[in-house]
mmCIF file of all heavy atoms, coordinates in Angstrom:
data_MODEL
# 
_entry.id   MODEL 
# 
loop_
_atom_site.group_PDB 
_atom_site.id 
_atom_site.type_symbol 
_atom_site.label_atom_id 
_atom_site.label_alt_id 
_atom_site.label_comp_id 
_atom_site.label_asym_id 
_atom_site.label_entity_id 
_atom_site.label_seq_id 
_atom_site.pdbx_PDB_ins_code 
_atom_site.Cartn_x 
_atom_site.Cartn_y 
_atom_site.Cartn_z 
_atom_site.occupancy 
_atom_site.B_iso_or_equiv 
_atom_site.pdbx_formal_charge 
_atom_site.auth_seq_id 
_atom_site.auth_comp_id 
_atom_site.auth_asym_id 
_atom_site.auth_atom_id 
_atom_site.pdbx_PDB_model_num 
ATOM 1   N N   . SER A 1 1  ? 14.843 -51.703 30.586 1.00 0.00 ? 1  SER A N   1 
ATOM 2   C CA  . SER A 1 1  ? 14.047 -50.860 31.560 1.00 0.00 ? 1  SER A CA  1 
ATOM 3   C C   . SER A 1 1  ? 12.561 -51.119 31.564 1.00 0.00 ? 1  SER A C   1 
ATOM 4   O O   . SER A 1 1  ? 11.825 -50.469 32.149 1.00 0.00 ? 1  SER A O   1 
ATOM 5   C CB  . SER A 1 1  ? 14.269 -49.422 31.276 1.00 0.00 ? 1  SER A CB  1 
ATOM 6   O OG  . SER A 1 1  ? 13.823 -49.182 29.879 1.00 0.00 ? 1  SER A OG  1 
ATOM 7   N N   . GLY A 1 2  ? 12.145 -52.221 30.951 1.00 0.00 ? 2  GLY A N   1 
ATOM 8   C CA  . GLY A 1 2  ? 10.761 -52.618 31.008 1.00 0.00 ? 2  GLY A CA  1 
ATOM 9   C C   . GLY A 1 2  ? 10.082 -52.715 29.610 1.00 0.00 ? 2  GLY A C   1 
ATOM 10  O O   . GLY A 1 2  ? 10.711 -52.310 28.627 1.00 0.00 ? 2  GLY A O   1 
ATOM 11  N N   . THR A 1 3  ? 8.900  -53.277 29.543 1.00 0.00 ? 3  THR A N   1 
ATOM 12  C CA  . THR A 1 3  ? 8.241  -53.411 28.280 1.00 0.00 ? 3  THR A CA  1 
ATOM 13  C C   . THR A 1 3  ? 7.583  -52.099 27.849 1.00 0.00 ? 3  THR A C   1 
ATOM 14  O O   . THR A 1 3  ? 6.884  -51.504 28.606 1.00 0.00 ? 3  THR A O   1 
ATOM 15  C CB  . THR A 1 3  ? 7.071  -54.530 28.451 1.00 0.00 ? 3  THR A CB  1 
ATOM 16  O OG1 . THR A 1 3  ? 7.773  -55.750 28.893 1.00 0.00 ? 3  THR A OG1 1 
ATOM 17  C CG2 . THR A 1 3  ? 6.468  -54.741 27.066 1.00 0.00 ? 3  THR A CG2 1 
ATOM 18  N N   . ARG A 1 4  ? 7.822  -51.725 26.643 1.00 0.00 ? 4  ARG A N   1 
ATOM 19  C CA  . ARG A 1 4  ? 7.231  -50.516 26.110 1.00 0.00 ? 4  ARG A CA  1 
ATOM 20  C C   . ARG A 1 4  ? 5.773  -50.819 25.821 1.00 0.00 ? 4  ARG A C   1 
ATOM 21  O O   . ARG A 1 4  ? 5.395  -51.946 25.365 1.00 0.00 ? 4  ARG A O   1 
ATOM 22  C CB  . ARG A 1 4  ? 7.949  -50.070 24.924 1.00 0.00 ? 4  ARG A CB  1 
ATOM 23  C CG  . ARG A 1 4  ? 9.288  -49.453 25.259 1.00 0.00 ? 4  ARG A CG  1 
ATOM 24  C CD  . ARG A 1 4  ? 10.028 -48.924 23.977 1.00 0.00 ? 4  ARG A CD  1 
ATOM 25  N NE  . ARG A 1 4  ? 10.418 -50.110 23.182 1.00 0.00 ? 4  ARG A NE  1 
ATOM 26  C CZ  . ARG A 1 4  ? 10.037 -50.330 21.939 1.00 0.00 ? 4  ARG A CZ  1 
ATOM 27  N NH1 . ARG A 1 4  ? 9.198  -49.421 21.383 1.00 0.00 ? 4  ARG A NH1 1 
ATOM 28  N NH2 . ARG A 1 4  ? 10.406 -51.312 21.234 1.00 0.00 ? 4  ARG A NH2 1 
ATOM 29  N N   . LYS A 1 5  ? 4.902  -49.855 26.012 1.00 0.00 ? 5  LYS A N   1 
ATOM 30  C CA  . LYS A 1 5  ? 3.461  -50.046 25.756 1.00 0.00 ? 5  LYS A CA  1 
ATOM 31  C C   . LYS A 1 5  ? 3.116  -50.234 24.287 1.00 0.00 ? 5  LYS A C   1 
ATOM 32  O O   . LYS A 1 5  ? 2.189  -50.853 23.863 1.00 0.00 ? 5  LYS A O   1 
ATOM 33  C CB  . LYS A 1 5  ? 2.675  -48.866 26.404 1.00 0.00 ? 5  LYS A CB  1 
ATOM 34  C CG  . LYS A 1 5  ? 2.873  -48.754 27.887 1.00 0.00 ? 5  LYS A CG  1 
ATOM 35  C CD  . LYS A 1 5  ? 2.425  -49.907 28.678 1.00 0.00 ? 5  LYS A CD  1 
ATOM 36  C CE  . LYS A 1 5  ? 2.468  -49.522 30.154 1.00 0.00 ? 5  LYS A CE  1 
ATOM 37  N NZ  . LYS A 1 5  ? 3.784  -49.219 30.738 1.00 0.00 ? 5  LYS A NZ  1 
ATOM 38  N N   . ILE A 1 6  ? 3.862  -49.461 23.477 1.00 0.00 ? 6  ILE A N   1 
ATOM 39  C CA  . ILE A 1 6  ? 3.612  -49.424 21.962 1.00 0.00 ? 6  ILE A CA  1 
ATOM 40  C C   . ILE A 1 6  ? 4.912  -49.686 21.247 1.00 0.00 ? 6  ILE A C   1 
ATOM 41  O O   . ILE A 1 6  ? 5.916  -49.042 21.551 1.00 0.00 ? 6  ILE A O   1 
ATOM 42  C CB  . ILE A 1 6  ? 2.983  -48.120 21.589 1.00 0.00 ? 6  ILE A CB  1 
ATOM 43  C CG1 . ILE A 1 6  ? 1.573  -47.969 22.177 1.00 0.00 ? 6  ILE A CG1 1 
ATOM 44  C CG2 . ILE A 1 6  ? 2.859  -47.947 20.054 1.00 0.00 ? 6  ILE A CG2 1 
ATOM 45  C CD1 . ILE A 1 6  ? 0.927  -46.650 21.890 1.00 0.00 ? 6  ILE A CD1 1 
ATOM 46  N N   . SER A 1 7  ? 4.865  -50.517 20.297 1.00 0.00 ? 7  SER A N   1 
ATOM 47  C CA  . SER A 1 7  ? 5.987  -50.778 19.386 1.00 0.00 ? 7  SER A CA  1 
ATOM 48  C C   . SER A 1 7  ? 5.697  -50.184 18.025 1.00 0.00 ? 7  SER A C   1 
ATOM 49  O O   . SER A 1 7  ? 4.607  -50.236 17.592 1.00 0.00 ? 7  SER A O   1 
ATOM 50  C CB  . SER A 1 7  ? 6.258  -52.264 19.293 1.00 0.00 ? 7  SER A CB  1 
ATOM 51  O OG  . SER A 1 7  ? 6.675  -52.842 20.449 1.00 0.00 ? 7  SER A OG  1 
ATOM 52  N N   . LYS A 1 8  ? 6.670  -49.526 17.454 1.00 0.00 ? 8  LYS A N   1 
ATOM 53  C CA  . LYS A 1 8  ? 6.430  -48.909 16.049 1.00 0.00 ? 8  LYS A CA  1 
ATOM 54  C C   . LYS A 1 8  ? 7.422  -49.578 15.171 1.00 0.00 ? 8  LYS A C   1 
ATOM 55  O O   . LYS A 1 8  ? 8.666  -49.451 15.192 1.00 0.00 ? 8  LYS A O   1 
ATOM 56  C CB  . LYS A 1 8  ? 6.732  -47.402 16.134 1.00 0.00 ? 8  LYS A CB  1 
ATOM 57  C CG  . LYS A 1 8  ? 5.669  -46.674 16.929 1.00 0.00 ? 8  LYS A CG  1 
ATOM 58  C CD  . LYS A 1 8  ? 6.009  -45.210 17.093 1.00 0.00 ? 8  LYS A CD  1 
ATOM 59  C CE  . LYS A 1 8  ? 7.143  -44.962 18.060 1.00 0.00 ? 8  LYS A CE  1 
ATOM 60  N NZ  . LYS A 1 8  ? 7.346  -43.529 18.408 1.00 0.00 ? 8  LYS A NZ  1 
ATOM 61  N N   . ILE A 1 9  ? 6.884  -50.429 14.163 1.00 0.00 ? 9  ILE A N   1 
ATOM 62  C CA  . ILE A 1 9  ? 7.666  -51.224 13.321 1.00 0.00 ? 9  ILE A CA  1 
ATOM 63  C C   . ILE A 1 9  ? 7.256  -50.853 11.879 1.00 0.00 ? 9  ILE A C   1 
ATOM 64  O O   . ILE A 1 9  ? 6.072  -50.805 11.561 1.00 0.00 ? 9  ILE A O   1 
ATOM 65  C CB  . ILE A 1 9  ? 7.485  -52.681 13.521 1.00 0.00 ? 9  ILE A CB  1 
ATOM 66  C CG1 . ILE A 1 9  ? 7.832  -53.017 15.014 1.00 0.00 ? 9  ILE A CG1 1 
ATOM 67  C CG2 . ILE A 1 9  ? 8.271  -53.502 12.563 1.00 0.00 ? 9  ILE A CG2 1 
ATOM 68  C CD1 . ILE A 1 9  ? 7.608  -54.458 15.422 1.00 0.00 ? 9  ILE A CD1 1 
ATOM 69  N N   . TYR A 1 10 ? 8.295  -50.603 11.047 1.00 0.00 ? 10 TYR A N   1 
ATOM 70  C CA  . TYR A 1 10 ? 8.008  -50.203 9.658  1.00 0.00 ? 10 TYR A CA  1 
ATOM 71  C C   . TYR A 1 10 ? 8.771  -51.251 8.790  1.00 0.00 ? 10 TYR A C   1 
ATOM 72  O O   . TYR A 1 10 ? 9.727  -51.857 9.147  1.00 0.00 ? 10 TYR A O   1 
ATOM 73  C CB  . TYR A 1 10 ? 8.506  -48.866 9.334  1.00 0.00 ? 10 TYR A CB  1 
ATOM 74  C CG  . TYR A 1 10 ? 7.924  -47.763 10.155 1.00 0.00 ? 10 TYR A CG  1 
ATOM 75  C CD1 . TYR A 1 10 ? 8.217  -47.523 11.452 1.00 0.00 ? 10 TYR A CD1 1 
ATOM 76  C CD2 . TYR A 1 10 ? 7.097  -46.831 9.488  1.00 0.00 ? 10 TYR A CD2 1 
ATOM 77  C CE1 . TYR A 1 10 ? 7.646  -46.492 12.212 1.00 0.00 ? 10 TYR A CE1 1 
ATOM 78  C CE2 . TYR A 1 10 ? 6.477  -45.767 10.221 1.00 0.00 ? 10 TYR A CE2 1 
ATOM 79  C CZ  . TYR A 1 10 ? 6.768  -45.601 11.555 1.00 0.00 ? 10 TYR A CZ  1 
ATOM 80  O OH  . TYR A 1 10 ? 6.176  -44.597 12.270 1.00 0.00 ? 10 TYR A OH  1 
ATOM 81  N N   . ARG A 1 11 ? 8.246  -51.303 7.485  1.00 0.00 ? 11 ARG A N   1 
ATOM 82  C CA  . ARG A 1 11 ? 9.018  -52.034 6.408  1.00 0.00 ? 11 ARG A CA  1 
ATOM 83  C C   . ARG A 1 11 ? 9.392  -51.000 5.314  1.00 0.00 ? 11 ARG A C   1 
ATOM 84  O O   . ARG A 1 11 ? 8.484  -50.149 4.993  1.00 0.00 ? 11 ARG A O   1 
ATOM 85  C CB  . ARG A 1 11 ? 8.191  -53.218 5.864  1.00 0.00 ? 11 ARG A CB  1 
ATOM 86  C CG  . ARG A 1 11 ? 8.096  -54.342 6.828  1.00 0.00 ? 11 ARG A CG  1 
ATOM 87  C CD  . ARG A 1 11 ? 7.478  -55.572 6.195  1.00 0.00 ? 11 ARG A CD  1 
ATOM 88  N NE  . ARG A 1 11 ? 7.354  -56.648 7.116  1.00 0.00 ? 11 ARG A NE  1 
ATOM 89  C CZ  . ARG A 1 11 ? 6.855  -57.871 6.778  1.00 0.00 ? 11 ARG A CZ  1 
ATOM 90  N NH1 . ARG A 1 11 ? 6.310  -58.038 5.642  1.00 0.00 ? 11 ARG A NH1 1 
ATOM 91  N NH2 . ARG A 1 11 ? 6.828  -58.811 7.617  1.00 0.00 ? 11 ARG A NH2 1 
ATOM 92  N N   . ALA A 1 12 ? 10.536 -51.070 4.833  1.00 0.00 ? 12 ALA A N   1 
ATOM 93  C CA  . ALA A 1 12 ? 10.961 -50.160 3.778  1.00 0.00 ? 12 ALA A CA  1 
ATOM 94  C C   . ALA A 1 12 ? 11.898 -50.795 2.790  1.00 0.00 ? 12 ALA A C   1 
ATOM 95  O O   . ALA A 1 12 ? 12.639 -51.744 3.159  1.00 0.00 ? 12 ALA A O   1 
ATOM 96  C CB  . ALA A 1 12 ? 11.664 -48.906 4.389  1.00 0.00 ? 12 ALA A CB  1 
ATOM 97  N N   . LEU A 1 13 ? 11.837 -50.328 1.581  1.00 0.00 ? 13 LEU A N   1 
ATOM 98  C CA  . LEU A 1 13 ? 12.695 -50.768 0.469  1.00 0.00 ? 13 LEU A CA  1 
ATOM 99  C C   . LEU A 1 13 ? 13.769 -49.746 0.320  1.00 0.00 ? 13 LEU A C   1 
ATOM 100 O O   . LEU A 1 13 ? 13.492 -48.559 0.086  1.00 0.00 ? 13 LEU A O   1 
ATOM 101 C CB  . LEU A 1 13 ? 11.944 -50.968 -0.743 1.00 0.00 ? 13 LEU A CB  1 
ATOM 102 C CG  . LEU A 1 13 ? 12.570 -51.823 -1.936 1.00 0.00 ? 13 LEU A CG  1 
ATOM 103 C CD1 . LEU A 1 13 ? 12.860 -53.222 -1.463 1.00 0.00 ? 13 LEU A CD1 1 
ATOM 104 C CD2 . LEU A 1 13 ? 11.733 -51.859 -3.135 1.00 0.00 ? 13 LEU A CD2 1 
ATOM 105 N N   . VAL A 1 14 ? 15.050 -50.171 0.577  1.00 0.00 ? 14 VAL A N   1 
ATOM 106 C CA  . VAL A 1 14 ? 16.139 -49.193 0.556  1.00 0.00 ? 14 VAL A CA  1 
ATOM 107 C C   . VAL A 1 14 ? 17.115 -49.502 -0.614 1.00 0.00 ? 14 VAL A C   1 
ATOM 108 O O   . VAL A 1 14 ? 17.173 -50.643 -1.132 1.00 0.00 ? 14 VAL A O   1 
ATOM 109 C CB  . VAL A 1 14 ? 16.913 -49.205 1.796  1.00 0.00 ? 14 VAL A CB  1 
ATOM 110 C CG1 . VAL A 1 14 ? 15.971 -48.793 2.955  1.00 0.00 ? 14 VAL A CG1 1 
ATOM 111 C CG2 . VAL A 1 14 ? 17.614 -50.559 2.053  1.00 0.00 ? 14 VAL A CG2 1 
ATOM 112 N N   . THR A 1 15 ? 17.883 -48.534 -1.035 1.00 0.00 ? 15 THR A N   1 
ATOM 113 C CA  . THR A 1 15 ? 18.800 -48.677 -2.062 1.00 0.00 ? 15 THR A CA  1 
ATOM 114 C C   . THR A 1 15 ? 20.072 -49.373 -1.554 1.00 0.00 ? 15 THR A C   1 
ATOM 115 O O   . THR A 1 15 ? 20.446 -49.187 -0.397 1.00 0.00 ? 15 THR A O   1 
ATOM 116 C CB  . THR A 1 15 ? 19.257 -47.359 -2.659 1.00 0.00 ? 15 THR A CB  1 
ATOM 117 O OG1 . THR A 1 15 ? 19.813 -46.539 -1.629 1.00 0.00 ? 15 THR A OG1 1 
ATOM 118 C CG2 . THR A 1 15 ? 18.046 -46.570 -3.309 1.00 0.00 ? 15 THR A CG2 1 
ATOM 119 N N   . GLY A 1 16 ? 20.609 -50.256 -2.452 1.00 0.00 ? 16 GLY A N   1 
ATOM 120 C CA  . GLY A 1 16 ? 21.848 -50.935 -2.078 1.00 0.00 ? 16 GLY A CA  1 
ATOM 121 C C   . GLY A 1 16 ? 21.579 -52.162 -1.245 1.00 0.00 ? 16 GLY A C   1 
ATOM 122 O O   . GLY A 1 16 ? 20.427 -52.478 -0.872 1.00 0.00 ? 16 GLY A O   1 
ATOM 123 N N   . ILE A 1 17 ? 22.675 -53.003 -1.023 1.00 0.00 ? 17 ILE A N   1 
ATOM 124 C CA  . ILE A 1 17 ? 22.538 -54.208 -0.291 1.00 0.00 ? 17 ILE A CA  1 
ATOM 125 C C   . ILE A 1 17 ? 23.161 -54.076 1.084  1.00 0.00 ? 17 ILE A C   1 
ATOM 126 O O   . ILE A 1 17 ? 24.433 -53.749 1.185  1.00 0.00 ? 17 ILE A O   1 
ATOM 127 C CB  . ILE A 1 17 ? 23.268 -55.333 -1.070 1.00 0.00 ? 17 ILE A CB  1 
ATOM 128 C CG1 . ILE A 1 17 ? 22.735 -55.459 -2.447 1.00 0.00 ? 17 ILE A CG1 1 
ATOM 129 C CG2 . ILE A 1 17 ? 23.180 -56.691 -0.306 1.00 0.00 ? 17 ILE A CG2 1 
ATOM 130 C CD1 . ILE A 1 17 ? 21.262 -55.821 -2.566 1.00 0.00 ? 17 ILE A CD1 1 
ATOM 131 N N   . LEU A 1 18 ? 22.342 -54.240 2.121  1.00 0.00 ? 18 LEU A N   1 
ATOM 132 C CA  . LEU A 1 18 ? 22.901 -54.233 3.491  1.00 0.00 ? 18 LEU A CA  1 
ATOM 133 C C   . LEU A 1 18 ? 23.705 -55.494 3.699  1.00 0.00 ? 18 LEU A C   1 
ATOM 134 O O   . LEU A 1 18 ? 23.214 -56.604 3.471  1.00 0.00 ? 18 LEU A O   1 
ATOM 135 C CB  . LEU A 1 18 ? 21.780 -54.064 4.574  1.00 0.00 ? 18 LEU A CB  1 
ATOM 136 C CG  . LEU A 1 18 ? 21.442 -52.643 4.897  1.00 0.00 ? 18 LEU A CG  1 
ATOM 137 C CD1 . LEU A 1 18 ? 20.579 -51.982 3.793  1.00 0.00 ? 18 LEU A CD1 1 
ATOM 138 C CD2 . LEU A 1 18 ? 20.652 -52.646 6.188  1.00 0.00 ? 18 LEU A CD2 1 
ATOM 139 N N   . VAL A 1 19 ? 24.917 -55.363 4.183  1.00 0.00 ? 19 VAL A N   1 
ATOM 140 C CA  . VAL A 1 19 ? 25.772 -56.552 4.544  1.00 0.00 ? 19 VAL A CA  1 
ATOM 141 C C   . VAL A 1 19 ? 25.350 -57.264 5.745  1.00 0.00 ? 19 VAL A C   1 
ATOM 142 O O   . VAL A 1 19 ? 25.156 -58.434 5.781  1.00 0.00 ? 19 VAL A O   1 
ATOM 143 C CB  . VAL A 1 19 ? 27.223 -56.045 4.605  1.00 0.00 ? 19 VAL A CB  1 
ATOM 144 C CG1 . VAL A 1 19 ? 28.114 -57.343 4.884  1.00 0.00 ? 19 VAL A CG1 1 
ATOM 145 C CG2 . VAL A 1 19 ? 27.664 -55.490 3.213  1.00 0.00 ? 19 VAL A CG2 1 
ATOM 146 N N   . ASP A 1 20 ? 25.200 -56.496 6.866  1.00 0.00 ? 20 ASP A N   1 
ATOM 147 C CA  . ASP A 1 20 ? 24.771 -57.014 8.160  1.00 0.00 ? 20 ASP A CA  1 
ATOM 148 C C   . ASP A 1 20 ? 23.314 -57.350 8.131  1.00 0.00 ? 20 ASP A C   1 
ATOM 149 O O   . ASP A 1 20 ? 22.484 -56.576 7.609  1.00 0.00 ? 20 ASP A O   1 
ATOM 150 C CB  . ASP A 1 20 ? 25.141 -56.132 9.308  1.00 0.00 ? 20 ASP A CB  1 
ATOM 151 C CG  . ASP A 1 20 ? 26.639 -55.890 9.369  1.00 0.00 ? 20 ASP A CG  1 
ATOM 152 O OD1 . ASP A 1 20 ? 27.375 -56.832 8.977  1.00 0.00 ? 20 ASP A OD1 1 
ATOM 153 O OD2 . ASP A 1 20 ? 27.075 -54.751 9.758  1.00 0.00 ? 20 ASP A OD2 1 
ATOM 154 N N   . ASP A 1 21 ? 22.932 -58.473 8.869  1.00 0.00 ? 21 ASP A N   1 
ATOM 155 C CA  . ASP A 1 21 ? 21.534 -58.802 8.936  1.00 0.00 ? 21 ASP A CA  1 
ATOM 156 C C   . ASP A 1 21 ? 20.797 -57.859 9.918  1.00 0.00 ? 21 ASP A C   1 
ATOM 157 O O   . ASP A 1 21 ? 19.647 -57.629 9.679  1.00 0.00 ? 21 ASP A O   1 
ATOM 158 C CB  . ASP A 1 21 ? 21.396 -60.220 9.524  1.00 0.00 ? 21 ASP A CB  1 
ATOM 159 C CG  . ASP A 1 21 ? 21.917 -61.282 8.469  1.00 0.00 ? 21 ASP A CG  1 
ATOM 160 O OD1 . ASP A 1 21 ? 21.804 -60.988 7.271  1.00 0.00 ? 21 ASP A OD1 1 
ATOM 161 O OD2 . ASP A 1 21 ? 22.276 -62.415 8.852  1.00 0.00 ? 21 ASP A OD2 1 
ATOM 162 N N   . LYS A 1 22 ? 21.530 -57.394 10.899 1.00 0.00 ? 22 LYS A N   1 
ATOM 163 C CA  . LYS A 1 22 ? 20.862 -56.429 11.885 1.00 0.00 ? 22 LYS A CA  1 
ATOM 164 C C   . LYS A 1 22 ? 21.789 -55.266 12.162 1.00 0.00 ? 22 LYS A C   1 
ATOM 165 O O   . LYS A 1 22 ? 23.020 -55.468 12.209 1.00 0.00 ? 22 LYS A O   1 
ATOM 166 C CB  . LYS A 1 22 ? 20.549 -57.156 13.207 1.00 0.00 ? 22 LYS A CB  1 
ATOM 167 C CG  . LYS A 1 22 ? 19.541 -58.245 13.094 1.00 0.00 ? 22 LYS A CG  1 
ATOM 168 C CD  . LYS A 1 22 ? 19.233 -58.811 14.415 1.00 0.00 ? 22 LYS A CD  1 
ATOM 169 C CE  . LYS A 1 22 ? 18.164 -59.927 14.334 1.00 0.00 ? 22 LYS A CE  1 
ATOM 170 N NZ  . LYS A 1 22 ? 17.802 -60.518 15.668 1.00 0.00 ? 22 LYS A NZ  1 
ATOM 171 N N   . VAL A 1 23 ? 21.264 -54.093 12.191 1.00 0.00 ? 23 VAL A N   1 
ATOM 172 C CA  . VAL A 1 23 ? 21.970 -52.836 12.416 1.00 0.00 ? 23 VAL A CA  1 
ATOM 173 C C   . VAL A 1 23 ? 21.228 -51.979 13.459 1.00 0.00 ? 23 VAL A C   1 
ATOM 174 O O   . VAL A 1 23 ? 19.956 -51.821 13.333 1.00 0.00 ? 23 VAL A O   1 
ATOM 175 C CB  . VAL A 1 23 ? 22.184 -52.038 11.045 1.00 0.00 ? 23 VAL A CB  1 
ATOM 176 C CG1 . VAL A 1 23 ? 23.027 -50.827 11.377 1.00 0.00 ? 23 VAL A CG1 1 
ATOM 177 C CG2 . VAL A 1 23 ? 22.906 -52.901 10.087 1.00 0.00 ? 23 VAL A CG2 1 
ATOM 178 N N   . ILE A 1 24 ? 21.955 -51.553 14.386 1.00 0.00 ? 24 ILE A N   1 
ATOM 179 C CA  . ILE A 1 24 ? 21.315 -50.536 15.351 1.00 0.00 ? 24 ILE A CA  1 
ATOM 180 C C   . ILE A 1 24 ? 21.945 -49.152 15.105 1.00 0.00 ? 24 ILE A C   1 
ATOM 181 O O   . ILE A 1 24 ? 23.152 -48.970 15.042 1.00 0.00 ? 24 ILE A O   1 
ATOM 182 C CB  . ILE A 1 24 ? 21.663 -50.913 16.795 1.00 0.00 ? 24 ILE A CB  1 
ATOM 183 C CG1 . ILE A 1 24 ? 20.986 -52.275 17.165 1.00 0.00 ? 24 ILE A CG1 1 
ATOM 184 C CG2 . ILE A 1 24 ? 21.264 -49.825 17.842 1.00 0.00 ? 24 ILE A CG2 1 
ATOM 185 C CD1 . ILE A 1 24 ? 21.264 -52.782 18.599 1.00 0.00 ? 24 ILE A CD1 1 
ATOM 186 N N   . ILE A 1 25 ? 21.058 -48.190 14.905 1.00 0.00 ? 25 ILE A N   1 
ATOM 187 C CA  . ILE A 1 25 ? 21.462 -46.831 14.574 1.00 0.00 ? 25 ILE A CA  1 
ATOM 188 C C   . ILE A 1 25 ? 21.060 -45.899 15.718 1.00 0.00 ? 25 ILE A C   1 
ATOM 189 O O   . ILE A 1 25 ? 19.792 -45.781 16.028 1.00 0.00 ? 25 ILE A O   1 
ATOM 190 C CB  . ILE A 1 25 ? 20.777 -46.373 13.226 1.00 0.00 ? 25 ILE A CB  1 
ATOM 191 C CG1 . ILE A 1 25 ? 20.963 -47.429 12.182 1.00 0.00 ? 25 ILE A CG1 1 
ATOM 192 C CG2 . ILE A 1 25 ? 21.377 -45.010 12.864 1.00 0.00 ? 25 ILE A CG2 1 
ATOM 193 C CD1 . ILE A 1 25 ? 20.204 -47.057 10.874 1.00 0.00 ? 25 ILE A CD1 1 
# 
């Protein structure tokens, strides 16, 4: 639907090992 004016990107250390390289929640 178009380019968003602002992107919000965080980095976090989480417990456990994520299997998938990318996940959409």
